[in-house]
Amino acid sequence: MEYLPTIIVAAIIAVIFVAIVVTGIRNKMKGKSSCSCGCDSCGMGCHEKAKTKK
């Protein structure tokens, strides 16, 4: 029982990490971008340009 606080903190951190990853995956599947200042300067901007060329 002496490790219980460590286990609880580790579980909380794991839950937060999983929530962030799941949110990122859902946003990517919905086509939302993480770039908030425009896709021209975004490193992922080339993906949008490639889609329009097809």
Protein backbone atom coordinates (compact mmCIF):
# COMPACT_ATOMS: atom_id res chain seq x y z
CA MET A 1 0.00 0.00 0.00
CA GLU A 2 2.98 2.33 0.19
CA TYR A 3 3.01 2.61 -3.63
CA LEU A 4 -0.65 3.58 -3.90
CA PRO A 5 -0.05 7.35 -4.37
CA THR A 6 2.53 6.63 -7.09
CA ILE A 7 0.13 4.29 -8.86
CA ILE A 8 -2.67 6.86 -8.69
CA VAL A 9 -0.51 9.64 -10.09
CA ALA A 10 0.78 7.36 -12.87
CA ALA A 11 -2.80 6.36 -13.74
CA ILE A 12 -3.90 10.01 -13.91
CA ILE A 13 -0.98 10.88 -16.19
CA ALA A 14 -1.76 7.87 -18.40
CA VAL A 15 -5.43 8.91 -18.67
CA ILE A 16 -4.45 12.46 -19.66
CA PHE A 17 -1.97 11.15 -22.25
CA VAL A 18 -4.54 8.79 -23.77
CA ALA A 19 -7.13 11.59 -23.90
CA ILE A 20 -4.71 13.86 -25.77
CA VAL A 21 -3.84 11.12 -28.27
CA VAL A 22 -7.49 10.18 -28.86
CA THR A 23 -8.43 13.83 -29.38
CA GLY A 24 -5.62 14.23 -31.90
CA ILE A 25 -6.70 11.12 -33.80
CA ARG A 26 -10.34 12.24 -33.86
CA ASN A 27 -9.37 15.70 -35.10
CA LYS A 28 -7.21 14.20 -37.84
CA MET A 29 -10.04 11.90 -38.94
CA LYS A 30 -12.42 14.89 -39.08
CA GLY A 31 -9.92 16.78 -41.22
CA LYS A 32 -9.17 19.40 -38.61
CA SER A 33 -5.67 20.82 -38.61
CA SER A 34 -3.51 21.68 -35.65
CA CYS A 35 -2.21 24.70 -37.54
CA SER A 36 -3.93 27.83 -36.27
CA CYS A 37 -2.15 30.49 -38.31
CA GLY A 38 -2.90 29.34 -41.85
CA CYS A 39 -1.75 26.36 -43.84
CA ASP A 40 0.72 28.27 -46.01
CA SER A 41 3.30 28.40 -43.25
CA CYS A 42 2.33 25.07 -41.73
CA GLY A 43 4.60 22.09 -42.23
CA MET A 44 1.56 20.04 -43.17
CA GLY A 45 0.55 22.53 -45.91
CA CYS A 46 2.03 20.34 -48.62
CA HIS A 47 -0.67 17.73 -47.96
CA GLU A 48 -3.39 20.21 -48.83
CA LYS A 49 -1.58 21.26 -51.99
CA ALA A 50 -1.14 17.62 -53.03
CA LYS A 51 -4.89 17.01 -52.66
CA THR A 52 -5.78 19.93 -54.92
CA LYS A 53 -3.39 18.79 -57.67
CA LYS A 54 -5.21 15.47 -58.12
